[in-house]
PDB file of N, CA and C in Angstrom:
ATOM      1  N   UNK A   1     -48.219 -15.440  19.114  1.00  0.00           N
ATOM      2  CA  UNK A   1     -48.662 -14.897  20.379  1.00  0.00           C
ATOM      3  C   UNK A   1     -50.096 -14.160  20.020  1.00  0.00           C
ATOM      4  N   UNK A   2     -50.918 -14.190  21.048  1.00  0.00           N
ATOM      5  CA  UNK A   2     -52.242 -13.639  20.819  1.00  0.00           C
ATOM      6  C   UNK A   2     -52.089 -12.159  20.996  1.00  0.00           C
ATOM      7  N   UNK A   3     -53.198 -11.383  20.468  1.00  0.00           N
ATOM      8  CA  UNK A   3     -53.212  -9.969  20.520  1.00  0.00           C
ATOM      9  C   UNK A   3     -53.263  -9.461  21.923  1.00  0.00           C
ATOM     10  N   UNK A   4     -52.842  -8.409  22.364  1.00  0.00           N
ATOM     11  CA  UNK A   4     -52.852  -7.791  23.681  1.00  0.00           C
ATOM     12  C   UNK A   4     -54.194  -7.194  24.070  1.00  0.00           C
ATOM     13  N   UNK A   5     -54.592  -7.296  25.230  1.00  0.00           N
ATOM     14  CA  UNK A   5     -55.920  -6.650  25.536  1.00  0.00           C
ATOM     15  C   UNK A   5     -55.500  -5.625  26.628  1.00  0.00           C
ATOM     16  N   UNK A   6     -55.051  -5.889  27.934  1.00  0.00           N
ATOM     17  CA  UNK A   6     -54.601  -4.932  28.850  1.00  0.00           C
ATOM     18  C   UNK A   6     -53.160  -4.777  28.745  1.00  0.00           C
ATOM     19  N   UNK A   7     -52.592  -3.718  29.318  1.00  0.00           N
ATOM     20  CA  UNK A   7     -51.231  -3.503  29.241  1.00  0.00           C
ATOM     21  C   UNK A   7     -50.366  -4.736  29.757  1.00  0.00           C
ATOM     22  N   UNK A   8     -49.614  -5.289  28.983  1.00  0.00           N
ATOM     23  CA  UNK A   8     -48.718  -6.346  29.387  1.00  0.00           C
ATOM     24  C   UNK A   8     -49.459  -7.674  29.372  1.00  0.00           C
ATOM     25  N   UNK A   9     -50.549  -7.858  28.906  1.00  0.00           N
ATOM     26  CA  UNK A   9     -51.211  -9.198  28.885  1.00  0.00           C
ATOM     27  C   UNK A   9     -51.635  -9.587  27.547  1.00  0.00           C
ATOM     28  N   UNK A  10     -51.619 -10.909  27.242  1.00  0.00           N
ATOM     29  CA  UNK A  10     -52.052 -11.426  25.893  1.00  0.00           C
ATOM     30  C   UNK A  10     -53.611 -11.470  25.919  1.00  0.00           C
ATOM     31  N   UNK A  11     -54.062 -11.809  24.743  1.00  0.00           N
ATOM     32  CA  UNK A  11     -55.530 -11.948  24.591  1.00  0.00           C
ATOM     33  C   UNK A  11     -56.246 -12.817  25.644  1.00  0.00           C
ATOM     34  N   UNK A  12     -55.540 -13.954  26.049  1.00  0.00           N
ATOM     35  CA  UNK A  12     -56.101 -14.667  27.239  1.00  0.00           C
ATOM     36  C   UNK A  12     -55.939 -14.085  28.431  1.00  0.00           C
ATOM     37  N   UNK A  13     -55.522 -12.881  28.610  1.00  0.00           N
ATOM     38  CA  UNK A  13     -55.358 -12.157  29.843  1.00  0.00           C
ATOM     39  C   UNK A  13     -54.053 -12.536  30.721  1.00  0.00           C
ATOM     40  N   UNK A  14     -53.334 -13.423  30.169  1.00  0.00           N
ATOM     41  CA  UNK A  14     -52.092 -13.826  30.905  1.00  0.00           C
ATOM     42  C   UNK A  14     -50.848 -13.108  30.215  1.00  0.00           C
ATOM     43  N   UNK A  15     -49.892 -12.892  31.115  1.00  0.00           N
ATOM     44  CA  UNK A  15     -48.525 -12.217  30.523  1.00  0.00           C
ATOM     45  C   UNK A  15     -47.891 -13.394  29.707  1.00  0.00           C
ATOM     46  N   UNK A  16     -47.096 -12.867  28.818  1.00  0.00           N
ATOM     47  CA  UNK A  16     -46.417 -13.652  27.677  1.00  0.00           C
ATOM     48  C   UNK A  16     -45.209 -14.339  28.352  1.00  0.00           C
ATOM     49  N   UNK A  17     -45.552 -15.353  29.330  1.00  0.00           N
ATOM     50  CA  UNK A  17     -44.533 -15.974  30.098  1.00  0.00           C
ATOM     51  C   UNK A  17     -43.506 -16.751  29.205  1.00  0.00           C
ATOM     52  N   UNK A  18     -44.034 -17.450  28.209  1.00  0.00           N
ATOM     53  CA  UNK A  18     -43.211 -18.427  27.508  1.00  0.00           C
ATOM     54  C   UNK A  18     -42.248 -17.548  26.636  1.00  0.00           C
ATOM     55  N   UNK A  19     -42.754 -16.447  26.111  1.00  0.00           N
ATOM     56  CA  UNK A  19     -41.961 -15.503  25.412  1.00  0.00           C
ATOM     57  C   UNK A  19     -40.926 -14.821  26.331  1.00  0.00           C
ATOM     58  N   UNK A  20     -41.300 -14.442  27.460  1.00  0.00           N
ATOM     59  CA  UNK A  20     -40.345 -13.934  28.430  1.00  0.00           C
ATOM     60  C   UNK A  20     -39.153 -14.855  28.636  1.00  0.00           C
ATOM     61  N   UNK A  21     -39.536 -16.088  28.922  1.00  0.00           N
ATOM     62  CA  UNK A  21     -38.590 -17.102  29.226  1.00  0.00           C
ATOM     63  C   UNK A  21     -37.740 -17.326  28.030  1.00  0.00           C
ATOM     64  N   UNK A  22     -38.210 -17.271  26.762  1.00  0.00           N
ATOM     65  CA  UNK A  22     -37.440 -17.462  25.597  1.00  0.00           C
ATOM     66  C   UNK A  22     -36.395 -16.324  25.378  1.00  0.00           C
ATOM     67  N   UNK A  23     -36.862 -15.167  25.691  1.00  0.00           N
ATOM     68  CA  UNK A  23     -35.969 -13.989  25.416  1.00  0.00           C
ATOM     69  C   UNK A  23     -34.900 -13.892  26.556  1.00  0.00           C
ATOM     70  N   UNK A  24     -35.259 -14.522  27.711  1.00  0.00           N
ATOM     71  CA  UNK A  24     -34.214 -14.330  28.928  1.00  0.00           C
ATOM     72  C   UNK A  24     -33.015 -15.262  28.779  1.00  0.00           C
ATOM     73  N   UNK A  25     -32.995 -16.202  27.814  1.00  0.00           N
ATOM     74  CA  UNK A  25     -31.821 -17.079  27.756  1.00  0.00           C
ATOM     75  C   UNK A  25     -30.759 -16.448  26.940  1.00  0.00           C
ATOM     76  N   UNK A  26     -29.537 -16.409  27.557  1.00  0.00           N
ATOM     77  CA  UNK A  26     -28.438 -15.755  26.830  1.00  0.00           C
ATOM     78  C   UNK A  26     -28.150 -16.070  25.457  1.00  0.00           C
ATOM     79  N   UNK A  27     -28.243 -17.386  25.010  1.00  0.00           N
ATOM     80  CA  UNK A  27     -27.884 -17.792  23.691  1.00  0.00           C
ATOM     81  C   UNK A  27     -29.162 -17.262  22.703  1.00  0.00           C
ATOM     82  N   UNK A  28     -30.270 -17.418  23.160  1.00  0.00           N
ATOM     83  CA  UNK A  28     -31.540 -17.120  22.342  1.00  0.00           C
ATOM     84  C   UNK A  28     -31.470 -15.492  22.289  1.00  0.00           C
ATOM     85  N   UNK A  29     -30.978 -14.780  23.240  1.00  0.00           N
ATOM     86  CA  UNK A  29     -30.904 -13.320  23.218  1.00  0.00           C
ATOM     87  C   UNK A  29     -29.972 -12.912  22.114  1.00  0.00           C
ATOM     88  N   UNK A  30     -28.762 -13.621  21.950  1.00  0.00           N
ATOM     89  CA  UNK A  30     -27.865 -13.380  20.836  1.00  0.00           C
ATOM     90  C   UNK A  30     -28.387 -13.492  19.612  1.00  0.00           C
ATOM     91  N   UNK A  31     -29.271 -14.482  19.407  1.00  0.00           N
ATOM     92  CA  UNK A  31     -29.958 -14.845  18.117  1.00  0.00           C
ATOM     93  C   UNK A  31     -30.810 -13.726  17.921  1.00  0.00           C
ATOM     94  N   UNK A  32     -31.558 -13.181  18.713  1.00  0.00           N
ATOM     95  CA  UNK A  32     -32.509 -12.011  18.632  1.00  0.00           C
ATOM     96  C   UNK A  32     -31.865 -10.875  18.143  1.00  0.00           C
ATOM     97  N   UNK A  33     -30.499 -10.636  18.788  1.00  0.00           N
ATOM     98  CA  UNK A  33     -29.764  -9.548  18.362  1.00  0.00           C
ATOM     99  C   UNK A  33     -29.402  -9.647  17.089  1.00  0.00           C
ATOM    100  N   UNK A  34     -28.939 -10.735  16.462  1.00  0.00           N
ATOM    101  CA  UNK A  34     -28.626 -10.930  15.096  1.00  0.00           C
ATOM    102  C   UNK A  34     -29.803 -10.766  14.070  1.00  0.00           C
ATOM    103  N   UNK A  35     -31.052 -11.055  14.611  1.00  0.00           N
ATOM    104  CA  UNK A  35     -32.182 -10.829  13.864  1.00  0.00           C
ATOM    105  C   UNK A  35     -32.762  -9.422  13.942  1.00  0.00           C
ATOM    106  N   UNK A  36     -32.221  -8.633  14.864  1.00  0.00           N
ATOM    107  CA  UNK A  36     -32.682  -7.237  14.745  1.00  0.00           C
ATOM    108  C   UNK A  36     -32.275  -6.424  13.742  1.00  0.00           C
ATOM    109  N   UNK A  37     -31.354  -6.770  12.922  1.00  0.00           N
ATOM    110  CA  UNK A  37     -30.944  -6.169  11.807  1.00  0.00           C
ATOM    111  C   UNK A  37     -31.799  -6.616  10.476  1.00  0.00           C
ATOM    112  N   UNK A  38     -32.724  -7.534  10.696  1.00  0.00           N
ATOM    113  CA  UNK A  38     -33.514  -7.984   9.593  1.00  0.00           C
ATOM    114  C   UNK A  38     -33.459  -9.429   9.347  1.00  0.00           C
ATOM    115  N   UNK A  39     -34.168  -9.905   8.419  1.00  0.00           N
ATOM    116  CA  UNK A  39     -34.310 -11.287   8.084  1.00  0.00           C
ATOM    117  C   UNK A  39     -32.927 -11.947   7.714  1.00  0.00           C
ATOM    118  N   UNK A  40     -32.756 -13.137   8.270  1.00  0.00           N
ATOM    119  CA  UNK A  40     -31.483 -13.799   7.942  1.00  0.00           C
ATOM    120  C   UNK A  40     -31.784 -15.301   7.696  1.00  0.00           C
ATOM    121  N   UNK A  41     -30.968 -15.981   6.955  1.00  0.00           N
ATOM    122  CA  UNK A  41     -31.022 -17.546   6.906  1.00  0.00           C
ATOM    123  C   UNK A  41     -30.217 -17.999   8.034  1.00  0.00           C
ATOM    124  N   UNK A  42     -30.448 -19.402   8.172  1.00  0.00           N
ATOM    125  CA  UNK A  42     -29.613 -20.173   9.236  1.00  0.00           C
ATOM    126  C   UNK A  42     -28.025 -19.898   9.243  1.00  0.00           C
ATOM    127  N   UNK A  43     -27.636 -20.016   8.055  1.00  0.00           N
ATOM    128  CA  UNK A  43     -26.109 -19.804   7.886  1.00  0.00           C
ATOM    129  C   UNK A  43     -25.730 -18.346   8.262  1.00  0.00           C
ATOM    130  N   UNK A  44     -26.479 -17.383   7.970  1.00  0.00           N
ATOM    131  CA  UNK A  44     -26.061 -15.980   8.405  1.00  0.00           C
ATOM    132  C   UNK A  44     -26.207 -15.865   9.906  1.00  0.00           C
ATOM    133  N   UNK A  45     -27.191 -16.465  10.452  1.00  0.00           N
ATOM    134  CA  UNK A  45     -27.392 -16.368  11.872  1.00  0.00           C
ATOM    135  C   UNK A  45     -26.178 -17.079  12.583  1.00  0.00           C
ATOM    136  N   UNK A  46     -25.917 -18.235  12.111  1.00  0.00           N
ATOM    137  CA  UNK A  46     -24.742 -19.060  12.622  1.00  0.00           C
ATOM    138  C   UNK A  46     -23.404 -18.265  12.528  1.00  0.00           C
ATOM    139  N   UNK A  47     -23.231 -17.591  11.494  1.00  0.00           N
ATOM    140  CA  UNK A  47     -22.085 -16.784  11.359  1.00  0.00           C
ATOM    141  C   UNK A  47     -22.053 -15.571  12.217  1.00  0.00           C
ATOM    142  N   UNK A  48     -23.143 -14.973  12.408  1.00  0.00           N
ATOM    143  CA  UNK A  48     -23.264 -13.672  13.144  1.00  0.00           C
ATOM    144  C   UNK A  48     -23.111 -13.999  14.659  1.00  0.00           C
ATOM    145  N   UNK A  49     -23.586 -15.100  15.077  1.00  0.00           N
ATOM    146  CA  UNK A  49     -23.698 -15.657  16.574  1.00  0.00           C
ATOM    147  C   UNK A  49     -22.739 -16.477  16.983  1.00  0.00           C
ATOM    148  N   UNK A  50     -21.937 -17.214  16.042  1.00  0.00           N
ATOM    149  CA  UNK A  50     -20.851 -18.164  16.306  1.00  0.00           C
ATOM    150  C   UNK A  50     -21.493 -19.204  17.141  1.00  0.00           C
ATOM    151  N   UNK A  51     -22.848 -19.557  16.908  1.00  0.00           N
ATOM    152  CA  UNK A  51     -23.560 -20.738  17.642  1.00  0.00           C
ATOM    153  C   UNK A  51     -23.404 -21.801  16.547  1.00  0.00           C
ATOM    154  N   UNK A  52     -23.029 -23.077  16.981  1.00  0.00           N
ATOM    155  CA  UNK A  52     -22.918 -24.225  16.015  1.00  0.00           C
ATOM    156  C   UNK A  52     -24.336 -24.573  15.598  1.00  0.00           C
ATOM    157  N   UNK A  53     -24.464 -25.099  14.343  1.00  0.00           N
ATOM    158  CA  UNK A  53     -25.842 -25.267  13.748  1.00  0.00           C
ATOM    159  C   UNK A  53     -26.660 -26.297  14.534  1.00  0.00           C
ATOM    160  N   UNK A  54     -26.229 -27.234  15.128  1.00  0.00           N
ATOM    161  CA  UNK A  54     -27.340 -28.192  15.774  1.00  0.00           C
ATOM    162  C   UNK A  54     -27.845 -27.342  16.986  1.00  0.00           C
ATOM    163  N   UNK A  55     -27.154 -26.695  17.808  1.00  0.00           N
ATOM    164  CA  UNK A  55     -27.618 -25.919  18.925  1.00  0.00           C
ATOM    165  C   UNK A  55     -28.456 -24.670  18.455  1.00  0.00           C
ATOM    166  N   UNK A  56     -27.986 -24.092  17.306  1.00  0.00           N
ATOM    167  CA  UNK A  56     -28.739 -22.972  16.754  1.00  0.00           C
ATOM    168  C   UNK A  56     -30.104 -23.286  16.375  1.00  0.00           C
ATOM    169  N   UNK A  57     -30.202 -24.452  15.664  1.00  0.00           N
ATOM    170  CA  UNK A  57     -31.615 -24.975  15.307  1.00  0.00           C
ATOM    171  C   UNK A  57     -32.458 -25.206  16.423  1.00  0.00           C
ATOM    172  N   UNK A  58     -32.001 -25.805  17.592  1.00  0.00           N
ATOM    173  CA  UNK A  58     -32.611 -26.072  18.797  1.00  0.00           C
ATOM    174  C   UNK A  58     -33.169 -24.848  19.295  1.00  0.00           C
ATOM    175  N   UNK A  59     -32.307 -23.825  19.367  1.00  0.00           N
ATOM    176  CA  UNK A  59     -32.677 -22.449  20.056  1.00  0.00           C
ATOM    177  C   UNK A  59     -33.695 -21.607  19.204  1.00  0.00           C
ATOM    178  N   UNK A  60     -33.567 -21.829  17.843  1.00  0.00           N
ATOM    179  CA  UNK A  60     -34.525 -21.207  17.016  1.00  0.00           C
ATOM    180  C   UNK A  60     -35.917 -21.846  17.160  1.00  0.00           C
ATOM    181  N   UNK A  61     -35.836 -23.148  17.343  1.00  0.00           N
ATOM    182  CA  UNK A  61     -37.158 -23.842  17.488  1.00  0.00           C
ATOM    183  C   UNK A  61     -37.886 -23.254  18.762  1.00  0.00           C
ATOM    184  N   UNK A  62     -37.165 -23.199  19.860  1.00  0.00           N
ATOM    185  CA  UNK A  62     -37.720 -22.456  20.986  1.00  0.00           C
ATOM    186  C   UNK A  62     -38.318 -21.148  20.742  1.00  0.00           C
ATOM    187  N   UNK A  63     -37.540 -20.289  20.074  1.00  0.00           N
ATOM    188  CA  UNK A  63     -38.051 -19.058  19.762  1.00  0.00           C
ATOM    189  C   UNK A  63     -39.328 -19.090  18.889  1.00  0.00           C
ATOM    190  N   UNK A  64     -39.254 -19.905  17.947  1.00  0.00           N
ATOM    191  CA  UNK A  64     -40.392 -20.077  16.924  1.00  0.00           C
ATOM    192  C   UNK A  64     -41.571 -20.526  17.729  1.00  0.00           C
ATOM    193  N   UNK A  65     -41.469 -21.483  18.631  1.00  0.00           N
ATOM    194  CA  UNK A  65     -42.570 -22.029  19.557  1.00  0.00           C
ATOM    195  C   UNK A  65     -43.047 -21.030  20.471  1.00  0.00           C
ATOM    196  N   UNK A  66     -42.294 -20.083  21.036  1.00  0.00           N
ATOM    197  CA  UNK A  66     -42.724 -18.933  21.784  1.00  0.00           C
ATOM    198  C   UNK A  66     -43.398 -17.886  21.089  1.00  0.00           C
ATOM    199  N   UNK A  67     -43.259 -17.873  19.688  1.00  0.00           N
ATOM    200  CA  UNK A  67     -43.893 -16.890  18.877  1.00  0.00           C
ATOM    201  C   UNK A  67     -43.019 -15.677  18.615  1.00  0.00           C
ATOM    202  N   UNK A  68     -41.678 -15.730  19.040  1.00  0.00           N
ATOM    203  CA  UNK A  68     -40.835 -14.600  18.983  1.00  0.00           C
ATOM    204  C   UNK A  68     -40.329 -14.478  17.570  1.00  0.00           C
ATOM    205  N   UNK A  69     -39.949 -15.457  16.832  1.00  0.00           N
ATOM    206  CA  UNK A  69     -39.450 -15.364  15.486  1.00  0.00           C
ATOM    207  C   UNK A  69     -40.455 -16.085  14.641  1.00  0.00           C
ATOM    208  N   UNK A  70     -40.374 -15.663  13.280  1.00  0.00           N
ATOM    209  CA  UNK A  70     -41.130 -16.322  12.273  1.00  0.00           C
ATOM    210  C   UNK A  70     -40.260 -16.872  11.196  1.00  0.00           C
ATOM    211  N   UNK A  71     -40.648 -17.967  10.647  1.00  0.00           N
ATOM    212  CA  UNK A  71     -39.678 -18.623   9.586  1.00  0.00           C
ATOM    213  C   UNK A  71     -40.418 -18.717   8.320  1.00  0.00           C
ATOM    214  N   UNK A  72     -39.666 -18.731   7.177  1.00  0.00           N
ATOM    215  CA  UNK A  72     -40.054 -19.001   5.942  1.00  0.00           C
ATOM    216  C   UNK A  72     -39.075 -19.807   5.137  1.00  0.00           C
ATOM    217  N   UNK A  73     -39.474 -20.638   4.259  1.00  0.00           N
ATOM    218  CA  UNK A  73     -38.479 -21.498   3.468  1.00  0.00           C
ATOM    219  C   UNK A  73     -38.578 -20.982   2.084  1.00  0.00           C
ATOM    220  N   UNK A  74     -37.345 -20.951   1.497  1.00  0.00           N
ATOM    221  CA  UNK A  74     -37.175 -20.520   0.182  1.00  0.00           C
ATOM    222  C   UNK A  74     -36.078 -21.491  -0.380  1.00  0.00           C
ATOM    223  N   UNK A  75     -36.557 -22.250  -1.170  1.00  0.00           N
ATOM    224  CA  UNK A  75     -35.756 -23.496  -1.849  1.00  0.00           C
ATOM    225  C   UNK A  75     -35.254 -24.219  -0.629  1.00  0.00           C
ATOM    226  N   UNK A  76     -33.982 -24.426  -0.535  1.00  0.00           N
ATOM    227  CA  UNK A  76     -33.334 -25.113   0.640  1.00  0.00           C
ATOM    228  C   UNK A  76     -33.028 -24.354   1.816  1.00  0.00           C
ATOM    229  N   UNK A  77     -33.279 -23.063   1.704  1.00  0.00           N
ATOM    230  CA  UNK A  77     -32.868 -22.106   2.872  1.00  0.00           C
ATOM    231  C   UNK A  77     -34.033 -21.990   3.706  1.00  0.00           C
ATOM    232  N   UNK A  78     -33.839 -21.706   5.018  1.00  0.00           N
ATOM    233  CA  UNK A  78     -34.940 -21.299   5.921  1.00  0.00           C
ATOM    234  C   UNK A  78     -34.464 -19.903   6.472  1.00  0.00           C
ATOM    235  N   UNK A  79     -35.329 -18.952   6.254  1.00  0.00           N
ATOM    236  CA  UNK A  79     -35.082 -17.560   6.751  1.00  0.00           C
ATOM    237  C   UNK A  79     -35.971 -17.311   8.016  1.00  0.00           C
ATOM    238  N   UNK A  80     -35.289 -16.594   8.904  1.00  0.00           N
ATOM    239  CA  UNK A  80     -35.881 -16.198  10.100  1.00  0.00           C
ATOM    240  C   UNK A  80     -35.964 -14.739  10.367  1.00  0.00           C
ATOM    241  N   UNK A  81     -37.066 -14.286  10.994  1.00  0.00           N
ATOM    242  CA  UNK A  81     -37.104 -12.895  11.269  1.00  0.00           C
ATOM    243  C   UNK A  81     -37.943 -12.665  12.618  1.00  0.00           C
ATOM    244  N   UNK A  82     -37.771 -11.510  13.207  1.00  0.00           N
ATOM    245  CA  UNK A  82     -38.388 -11.138  14.477  1.00  0.00           C
ATOM    246  C   UNK A  82     -40.037 -10.962  14.043  1.00  0.00           C
ATOM    247  N   UNK A  83     -40.746 -11.438  15.136  1.00  0.00           N
ATOM    248  CA  UNK A  83     -42.214 -11.245  14.981  1.00  0.00           C
ATOM    249  C   UNK A  83     -42.387  -9.886  15.894  1.00  0.00           C
ATOM    250  N   UNK A  84     -42.516  -8.749  15.247  1.00  0.00           N
ATOM    251  CA  UNK A  84     -42.548  -7.405  16.092  1.00  0.00           C
ATOM    252  C   UNK A  84     -43.765  -7.346  17.026  1.00  0.00           C
ATOM    253  N   UNK A  85     -44.973  -7.906  16.569  1.00  0.00           N
ATOM    254  CA  UNK A  85     -46.087  -8.009  17.470  1.00  0.00           C
ATOM    255  C   UNK A  85     -45.777  -8.870  18.802  1.00  0.00           C
ATOM    256  N   UNK A  86     -45.204  -9.832  18.584  1.00  0.00           N
ATOM    257  CA  UNK A  86     -44.899 -10.674  19.790  1.00  0.00           C
ATOM    258  C   UNK A  86     -43.908  -9.928  20.642  1.00  0.00           C
ATOM    259  N   UNK A  87     -42.813  -9.433  19.979  1.00  0.00           N
ATOM    260  CA  UNK A  87     -41.894  -8.727  20.817  1.00  0.00           C
ATOM    261  C   UNK A  87     -42.469  -7.416  21.473  1.00  0.00           C
ATOM    262  N   UNK A  88     -43.492  -6.749  20.853  1.00  0.00           N
ATOM    263  CA  UNK A  88     -44.315  -5.670  21.564  1.00  0.00           C
ATOM    264  C   UNK A  88     -44.887  -6.116  22.716  1.00  0.00           C
ATOM    265  N   UNK A  89     -45.561  -7.351  22.648  1.00  0.00           N
ATOM    266  CA  UNK A  89     -46.242  -7.910  23.910  1.00  0.00           C
ATOM    267  C   UNK A  89     -45.254  -8.118  25.165  1.00  0.00           C
ATOM    268  N   UNK A  90     -44.011  -8.594  24.658  1.00  0.00           N
ATOM    269  CA  UNK A  90     -42.954  -8.794  25.811  1.00  0.00           C
ATOM    270  C   UNK A  90     -42.585  -7.432  26.427  1.00  0.00           C
ATOM    271  N   UNK A  91     -42.368  -6.502  25.475  1.00  0.00           N
ATOM    272  CA  UNK A  91     -41.957  -5.064  26.004  1.00  0.00           C
ATOM    273  C   UNK A  91     -43.200  -4.380  26.745  1.00  0.00           C
ATOM    274  N   UNK A  92     -44.462  -4.712  26.335  1.00  0.00           N
ATOM    275  CA  UNK A  92     -45.550  -4.215  27.161  1.00  0.00           C
ATOM    276  C   UNK A  92     -45.646  -4.768  28.437  1.00  0.00           C
ATOM    277  N   UNK A  93     -45.452  -6.209  28.565  1.00  0.00           N
ATOM    278  CA  UNK A  93     -45.464  -6.839  29.870  1.00  0.00           C
ATOM    279  C   UNK A  93     -44.487  -6.236  30.908  1.00  0.00           C
ATOM    280  N   UNK A  94     -43.198  -5.993  30.251  1.00  0.00           N
ATOM    281  CA  UNK A  94     -42.287  -5.428  31.087  1.00  0.00           C
ATOM    282  C   UNK A  94     -42.478  -3.962  31.593  1.00  0.00           C
ATOM    283  N   UNK A  95     -43.029  -3.236  30.559  1.00  0.00           N
ATOM    284  CA  UNK A  95     -43.497  -1.881  30.933  1.00  0.00           C
ATOM    285  C   UNK A  95     -44.515  -1.718  31.811  1.00  0.00           C
ATOM    286  N   UNK A  96     -45.449  -2.768  31.849  1.00  0.00           N
ATOM    287  CA  UNK A  96     -46.560  -2.741  32.824  1.00  0.00           C
ATOM    288  C   UNK A  96     -46.056  -2.885  34.327  1.00  0.00           C
ATOM    289  N   UNK A  97     -44.738  -3.410  34.386  1.00  0.00           N
ATOM    290  CA  UNK A  97     -44.236  -3.649  35.742  1.00  0.00           C
ATOM    291  C   UNK A  97     -43.528  -2.418  36.176  1.00  0.00           C
ATOM    292  N   UNK A  98     -43.225  -1.361  35.270  1.00  0.00           N
ATOM    293  CA  UNK A  98     -42.452  -0.220  35.552  1.00  0.00           C
ATOM    294  C   UNK A  98     -43.238   0.793  36.605  1.00  0.00           C
ATOM    295  N   UNK A  99     -44.528   0.565  36.715  1.00  0.00           N
ATOM    296  CA  UNK A  99     -45.240   1.380  37.603  1.00  0.00           C
ATOM    297  C   UNK A  99     -44.967   1.075  39.072  1.00  0.00           C
ATOM    298  N   UNK A 100     -44.161  -0.212  39.350  1.00  0.00           N
ATOM    299  CA  UNK A 100     -43.736  -0.605  40.618  1.00  0.00           C
ATOM    300  C   UNK A 100     -42.443   0.179  40.933  1.00  0.00           C
ATOM    301  N   UNK A 101     -41.814   0.681  39.880  1.00  0.00           N
ATOM    302  CA  UNK A 101     -40.561   1.416  40.025  1.00  0.00           C
ATOM    303  C   UNK A 101     -40.795   2.795  40.395  1.00  0.00           C
ATOM    304  N   UNK A 102     -40.500   3.217  41.539  1.00  0.00           N
ATOM    305  CA  UNK A 102     -40.907   4.604  42.026  1.00  0.00           C
ATOM    306  C   UNK A 102     -39.497   5.355  42.198  1.00  0.00           C
ATOM    307  N   UNK A 103     -39.507   6.563  41.658  1.00  0.00           N
ATOM    308  CA  UNK A 103     -38.358   7.295  41.756  1.00  0.00           C
ATOM    309  C   UNK A 103     -38.024   7.618  43.253  1.00  0.00           C
ATOM    310  N   UNK A 104     -37.000   7.172  43.593  1.00  0.00           N
ATOM    311  CA  UNK A 104     -36.643   7.339  45.117  1.00  0.00           C
ATOM    312  C   UNK A 104     -35.824   8.656  45.211  1.00  0.00           C
ATOM    313  N   UNK A 105     -36.244   9.358  46.309  1.00  0.00           N
ATOM    314  CA  UNK A 105     -35.449  10.613  46.519  1.00  0.00           C
ATOM    315  C   UNK A 105     -33.994  10.392  46.906  1.00  0.00           C
ATOM    316  N   UNK A 106     -33.083  11.257  46.693  1.00  0.00           N
ATOM    317  CA  UNK A 106     -31.776  11.144  47.061  1.00  0.00           C
ATOM    318  C   UNK A 106     -31.730  10.830  48.571  1.00  0.00           C
ATOM    319  N   UNK A 107     -30.923   9.961  49.010  1.00  0.00           N
ATOM    320  CA  UNK A 107     -30.771   9.649  50.356  1.00  0.00           C
ATOM    321  C   UNK A 107     -30.235  10.945  51.140  1.00  0.00           C
ATOM    322  N   UNK A 108     -30.853  11.301  52.177  1.00  0.00           N
ATOM    323  CA  UNK A 108     -30.491  12.255  53.016  1.00  0.00           C
ATOM    324  C   UNK A 108     -29.533  11.802  54.041  1.00  0.00           C
ATOM    325  N   UNK A 109     -28.360  12.576  54.245  1.00  0.00           N
ATOM    326  CA  UNK A 109     -27.478  12.173  55.339  1.00  0.00           C
ATOM    327  C   UNK A 109     -28.258  12.140  56.675  1.00  0.00           C
ATOM    328  N   UNK A 110     -27.889  10.938  57.423  1.00  0.00           N
ATOM    329  CA  UNK A 110     -28.416  11.030  58.829  1.00  0.00           C
ATOM    330  C   UNK A 110     -27.695  11.778  59.629  1.00  0.00           C
ATOM    331  N   UNK A 111     -28.377  12.538  60.465  1.00  0.00           N
ATOM    332  CA  UNK A 111     -27.782  13.447  61.468  1.00  0.00           C
ATOM    333  C   UNK A 111     -27.930  12.733  62.806  1.00  0.00           C
ATOM    334  N   UNK A 112     -26.712  12.731  63.523  1.00  0.00           N
ATOM    335  CA  UNK A 112     -26.754  12.169  64.907  1.00  0.00           C
ATOM    336  C   UNK A 112     -27.663  12.933  65.748  1.00  0.00           C
ATOM    337  N   UNK A 113     -28.330  12.178  66.749  1.00  0.00           N
ATOM    338  CA  UNK A 113     -29.228  12.902  67.728  1.00  0.00           C
ATOM    339  C   UNK A 113     -28.249  13.695  68.517  1.00  0.00           C
ATOM    340  N   UNK A 114     -28.881  14.787  69.020  1.00  0.00           N
ATOM    341  CA  UNK A 114     -27.974  15.656  69.913  1.00  0.00           C
ATOM    342  C   UNK A 114     -27.438  14.788  71.211  1.00  0.00           C
ATOM    343  N   UNK A 115     -26.305  15.026  71.535  1.00  0.00           N
ATOM    344  CA  UNK A 115     -25.709  14.243  72.596  1.00  0.00           C
ATOM    345  C   UNK A 115     -25.283  12.836  72.266  1.00  0.00           C
ATOM    346  N   UNK A 116     -25.384  12.416  71.060  1.00  0.00           N
ATOM    347  CA  UNK A 116     -24.928  11.203  70.657  1.00  0.00           C
ATOM    348  C   UNK A 116     -23.658  11.237  70.290  1.00  0.00           C
ATOM    349  N   UNK A 117     -22.744  10.075  70.392  1.00  0.00           N
ATOM    350  CA  UNK A 117     -21.384  10.111  70.077  1.00  0.00           C
ATOM    351  C   UNK A 117     -21.241   9.931  68.513  1.00  0.00           C
ATOM    352  N   UNK A 118     -20.350  10.613  67.984  1.00  0.00           N
ATOM    353  CA  UNK A 118     -20.060  10.627  66.521  1.00  0.00           C
ATOM    354  C   UNK A 118     -18.693   9.766  66.238  1.00  0.00           C
ATOM    355  N   UNK A 119     -18.856   8.922  65.420  1.00  0.00           N
ATOM    356  CA  UNK A 119     -17.654   8.033  65.067  1.00  0.00           C
ATOM    357  C   UNK A 119     -17.505   8.198  63.568  1.00  0.00           C
ATOM    358  N   UNK A 120     -16.110   8.261  63.225  1.00  0.00           N
ATOM    359  CA  UNK A 120     -15.721   8.370  61.866  1.00  0.00           C
ATOM    360  C   UNK A 120     -16.155   7.052  61.061  1.00  0.00           C
ATOM    361  N   UNK A 121     -16.603   7.139  59.863  1.00  0.00           N
ATOM    362  CA  UNK A 121     -16.963   5.931  59.187  1.00  0.00           C
ATOM    363  C   UNK A 121     -15.680   5.780  58.063  1.00  0.00           C
ATOM    364  N   UNK A 122     -15.206   4.523  58.138  1.00  0.00           N
ATOM    365  CA  UNK A 122     -14.032   4.299  57.244  1.00  0.00           C
ATOM    366  C   UNK A 122     -14.706   3.584  56.062  1.00  0.00           C
ATOM    367  N   UNK A 123     -14.371   3.865  54.804  1.00  0.00           N
ATOM    368  CA  UNK A 123     -14.735   3.165  53.534  1.00  0.00           C
ATOM    369  C   UNK A 123     -13.700   2.159  53.245  1.00  0.00           C
TER     370      UNK A 123
END
């Protein structure tokens, strides 16, 4: 993923949509959780997530394509780790939306108008 320019945007000025889509998938999110403890090889990820190897490889490819994980090969093993810069872009994109979240005051009970009938509310 490219470097961030404005809050929540990549270098091209676009939000990291592909990375957000990749992170939003439940199976891929489990993989990211497994990798949050540090670099792991495919066998270790498979054991930690209980995702069968063919499906795991497919989901890792999506994460790699989205720039969320990095891979390196050592002999016959492929190791994966999180790309912290890419994850920071995802977090920044979501944080940029937090301005839309306004603290709402506690709901004040509605008082009936003078002379209006009062009915009990059953829950």
